[in-house]
Amino acid sequence: MKEYTHYNRIKSVLAEKNKTGTWLSEQMGRNFGTVSRWMTNKVQPSIEQLYEIAKHLDVDVRELLVASIVKRYGYK
C-alpha cells in the first residue's frame, strides 16, 4: 500500500468537530469520493476549496494544514 505524505488535517478536524466526510461532501456539493481522497491525503484540495472547507467547519484555514515546521524535521 502506498503511503501518502500528509499535507492536510481535514479528517482530523472533521473528527474534532464530530462531522463526517459525508456531511462535508453534502455541504460542499461534492462527490464523496473526492472528499474521501482529500481526507486520506491521496489528493489535495485547492486553496479555494480549503477556504470553503474551513468555512463549513468554522475553523481558521490554517487548522486544516499540517504545520510546515513539522515536515522540515521529519515528524508525522
N, C-alpha and C. Protein backbone atom coordinates (compact mmCIF):
# COMPACT_ATOMS: atom_id res chain seq x y z
N MET A 1 0.85 -1.18 0.00
CA MET A 1 0.00 0.00 0.00
C MET A 1 0.90 1.24 0.00
N LYS A 2 0.59 2.17 -0.87
CA LYS A 2 1.36 3.40 -0.97
C LYS A 2 1.08 4.31 0.22
N GLU A 3 2.15 4.86 0.81
CA GLU A 3 1.99 5.79 1.92
C GLU A 3 1.98 7.21 1.36
N TYR A 4 1.06 8.02 1.80
CA TYR A 4 0.91 9.39 1.31
C TYR A 4 1.43 10.37 2.34
N THR A 5 2.08 11.42 1.84
CA THR A 5 2.53 12.49 2.72
C THR A 5 1.29 13.26 3.18
N HIS A 6 1.25 13.55 4.45
CA HIS A 6 0.09 14.26 4.99
C HIS A 6 0.34 15.76 4.95
N TYR A 7 -0.43 16.42 4.10
CA TYR A 7 -0.37 17.87 3.99
C TYR A 7 -1.56 18.53 4.67
N ASN A 8 -2.67 17.81 4.72
CA ASN A 8 -3.86 18.41 5.32
C ASN A 8 -4.35 17.60 6.51
N ARG A 9 -5.17 18.26 7.33
CA ARG A 9 -5.73 17.66 8.54
C ARG A 9 -7.26 17.58 8.46
N ILE A 10 -7.78 17.51 7.25
CA ILE A 10 -9.23 17.54 7.08
C ILE A 10 -9.91 16.44 7.89
N LYS A 11 -9.41 15.22 7.81
CA LYS A 11 -10.02 14.11 8.53
C LYS A 11 -9.99 14.35 10.04
N SER A 12 -8.86 14.85 10.54
CA SER A 12 -8.73 15.12 11.98
C SER A 12 -9.69 16.21 12.44
N VAL A 13 -9.78 17.28 11.66
CA VAL A 13 -10.64 18.39 12.04
C VAL A 13 -12.11 17.97 11.97
N LEU A 14 -12.47 17.18 10.98
CA LEU A 14 -13.84 16.66 10.93
C LEU A 14 -14.15 15.87 12.20
N ALA A 15 -13.23 15.03 12.63
CA ALA A 15 -13.45 14.23 13.84
C ALA A 15 -13.56 15.14 15.07
N GLU A 16 -12.71 16.16 15.14
CA GLU A 16 -12.77 17.10 16.27
C GLU A 16 -14.11 17.82 16.33
N LYS A 17 -14.71 18.04 15.16
CA LYS A 17 -15.99 18.74 15.08
C LYS A 17 -17.18 17.79 15.06
N ASN A 18 -16.90 16.49 15.23
CA ASN A 18 -17.96 15.46 15.18
C ASN A 18 -18.75 15.50 13.88
N LYS A 19 -18.02 15.68 12.79
CA LYS A 19 -18.62 15.70 11.45
C LYS A 19 -18.02 14.56 10.64
N THR A 20 -18.67 14.22 9.55
CA THR A 20 -18.20 13.12 8.70
C THR A 20 -17.85 13.63 7.31
N GLY A 21 -17.16 12.79 6.58
CA GLY A 21 -16.86 13.11 5.19
C GLY A 21 -18.14 13.23 4.37
N THR A 22 -19.13 12.42 4.70
CA THR A 22 -20.42 12.51 4.00
C THR A 22 -21.05 13.87 4.24
N TRP A 23 -21.02 14.32 5.48
CA TRP A 23 -21.56 15.64 5.81
C TRP A 23 -20.85 16.72 5.01
N LEU A 24 -19.51 16.67 4.96
CA LEU A 24 -18.75 17.69 4.24
C LEU A 24 -19.05 17.64 2.75
N SER A 25 -19.16 16.45 2.19
CA SER A 25 -19.46 16.35 0.76
C SER A 25 -20.84 16.94 0.45
N GLU A 26 -21.80 16.74 1.33
CA GLU A 26 -23.13 17.32 1.14
C GLU A 26 -23.09 18.84 1.26
N GLN A 27 -22.34 19.36 2.23
CA GLN A 27 -22.25 20.81 2.43
C GLN A 27 -21.62 21.49 1.21
N MET A 28 -20.63 20.83 0.62
CA MET A 28 -19.89 21.42 -0.49
C MET A 28 -20.49 21.07 -1.85
N GLY A 29 -21.43 20.14 -1.87
CA GLY A 29 -21.99 19.71 -3.15
C GLY A 29 -20.96 18.96 -3.98
N ARG A 30 -20.08 18.21 -3.29
CA ARG A 30 -19.02 17.45 -3.96
C ARG A 30 -19.28 15.96 -3.81
N ASN A 31 -18.72 15.20 -4.70
CA ASN A 31 -18.79 13.75 -4.64
C ASN A 31 -18.06 13.26 -3.40
N PHE A 32 -18.61 12.27 -2.70
CA PHE A 32 -17.96 11.75 -1.51
C PHE A 32 -16.58 11.19 -1.83
N GLY A 33 -16.40 10.60 -2.99
CA GLY A 33 -15.10 10.05 -3.36
C GLY A 33 -14.02 11.12 -3.37
N THR A 34 -14.36 12.31 -3.84
CA THR A 34 -13.41 13.42 -3.85
C THR A 34 -13.03 13.80 -2.43
N VAL A 35 -14.03 13.97 -1.58
CA VAL A 35 -13.78 14.34 -0.18
C VAL A 35 -12.98 13.25 0.51
N SER A 36 -13.27 12.00 0.23
CA SER A 36 -12.54 10.89 0.82
C SER A 36 -11.06 10.95 0.43
N ARG A 37 -10.76 11.27 -0.81
CA ARG A 37 -9.36 11.37 -1.25
C ARG A 37 -8.66 12.54 -0.56
N TRP A 38 -9.40 13.62 -0.29
CA TRP A 38 -8.81 14.74 0.48
C TRP A 38 -8.50 14.26 1.89
N MET A 39 -9.45 13.55 2.49
CA MET A 39 -9.31 13.11 3.88
C MET A 39 -8.14 12.14 4.06
N THR A 40 -7.84 11.36 3.04
CA THR A 40 -6.75 10.39 3.13
C THR A 40 -5.45 10.93 2.53
N ASN A 41 -5.47 12.20 2.10
CA ASN A 41 -4.30 12.86 1.53
C ASN A 41 -3.83 12.23 0.22
N LYS A 42 -4.70 11.52 -0.45
CA LYS A 42 -4.34 10.97 -1.77
C LYS A 42 -4.27 12.10 -2.80
N VAL A 43 -5.13 13.09 -2.65
CA VAL A 43 -5.09 14.31 -3.45
C VAL A 43 -5.35 15.48 -2.50
N GLN A 44 -4.98 16.66 -2.93
CA GLN A 44 -5.15 17.84 -2.09
C GLN A 44 -6.19 18.77 -2.69
N PRO A 45 -7.04 19.37 -1.84
CA PRO A 45 -7.98 20.36 -2.35
C PRO A 45 -7.23 21.62 -2.74
N SER A 46 -7.86 22.40 -3.61
CA SER A 46 -7.26 23.68 -3.99
C SER A 46 -7.33 24.65 -2.80
N ILE A 47 -6.63 25.74 -2.92
CA ILE A 47 -6.67 26.77 -1.87
C ILE A 47 -8.11 27.26 -1.67
N GLU A 48 -8.81 27.48 -2.77
CA GLU A 48 -10.21 27.92 -2.68
C GLU A 48 -11.07 26.90 -1.95
N GLN A 49 -10.84 25.62 -2.25
CA GLN A 49 -11.61 24.57 -1.60
C GLN A 49 -11.25 24.47 -0.12
N LEU A 50 -9.98 24.68 0.23
CA LEU A 50 -9.60 24.69 1.65
C LEU A 50 -10.34 25.78 2.41
N TYR A 51 -10.46 26.97 1.79
CA TYR A 51 -11.19 28.05 2.44
C TYR A 51 -12.66 27.70 2.60
N GLU A 52 -13.23 27.03 1.61
CA GLU A 52 -14.63 26.63 1.71
C GLU A 52 -14.81 25.58 2.82
N ILE A 53 -13.90 24.63 2.90
CA ILE A 53 -13.95 23.62 3.96
C ILE A 53 -13.86 24.29 5.32
N ALA A 54 -12.93 25.23 5.47
CA ALA A 54 -12.76 25.95 6.74
C ALA A 54 -14.05 26.67 7.12
N LYS A 55 -14.69 27.28 6.13
CA LYS A 55 -15.96 27.99 6.40
C LYS A 55 -17.02 27.03 6.93
N HIS A 56 -17.15 25.88 6.29
CA HIS A 56 -18.16 24.91 6.73
C HIS A 56 -17.85 24.35 8.12
N LEU A 57 -16.57 24.22 8.43
CA LEU A 57 -16.18 23.67 9.73
C LEU A 57 -15.99 24.75 10.80
N ASP A 58 -16.13 26.00 10.40
CA ASP A 58 -15.97 27.13 11.32
C ASP A 58 -14.61 27.09 12.01
N VAL A 59 -13.55 26.96 11.19
CA VAL A 59 -12.18 26.97 11.70
C VAL A 59 -11.34 27.90 10.83
N ASP A 60 -10.20 28.31 11.35
CA ASP A 60 -9.23 29.04 10.56
C ASP A 60 -8.63 28.06 9.55
N VAL A 61 -8.46 28.50 8.32
CA VAL A 61 -7.96 27.63 7.26
C VAL A 61 -6.62 26.99 7.65
N ARG A 62 -5.84 27.66 8.46
CA ARG A 62 -4.54 27.11 8.88
C ARG A 62 -4.68 25.84 9.69
N GLU A 63 -5.83 25.66 10.35
CA GLU A 63 -6.05 24.44 11.13
C GLU A 63 -6.19 23.21 10.24
N LEU A 64 -6.45 23.43 8.95
CA LEU A 64 -6.62 22.32 8.02
C LEU A 64 -5.30 21.84 7.44
N LEU A 65 -4.21 22.54 7.73
CA LEU A 65 -2.91 22.19 7.17
C LEU A 65 -1.96 21.67 8.23
N VAL A 66 -1.12 20.75 7.83
CA VAL A 66 -0.06 20.26 8.70
C VAL A 66 1.01 21.34 8.73
N ALA A 67 1.50 21.68 9.91
CA ALA A 67 2.50 22.75 10.04
C ALA A 67 3.75 22.40 9.26
N SER A 68 4.30 23.36 8.54
CA SER A 68 5.47 23.11 7.71
C SER A 68 6.70 22.79 8.53
N ILE A 69 6.80 23.33 9.72
CA ILE A 69 7.96 23.05 10.57
C ILE A 69 8.01 21.58 10.96
N VAL A 70 6.85 20.96 11.09
CA VAL A 70 6.79 19.53 11.39
C VAL A 70 7.41 18.76 10.23
N LYS A 71 7.12 19.15 9.01
CA LYS A 71 7.68 18.49 7.83
C LYS A 71 9.19 18.65 7.78
N ARG A 72 9.67 19.82 8.10
CA ARG A 72 11.09 20.12 7.99
C ARG A 72 11.92 19.18 8.86
N TYR A 73 11.42 18.81 10.01
CA TYR A 73 12.16 17.96 10.93
C TYR A 73 11.77 16.49 10.85
N GLY A 74 10.94 16.16 9.89
CA GLY A 74 10.63 14.77 9.64
C GLY A 74 9.61 14.13 10.55
N TYR A 75 8.89 14.91 11.33
CA TYR A 75 7.85 14.33 12.19
C TYR A 75 6.59 14.13 11.37
N LYS A 76 5.75 13.20 11.79
CA LYS A 76 4.48 12.97 11.08
C LYS A 76 3.35 13.44 11.93
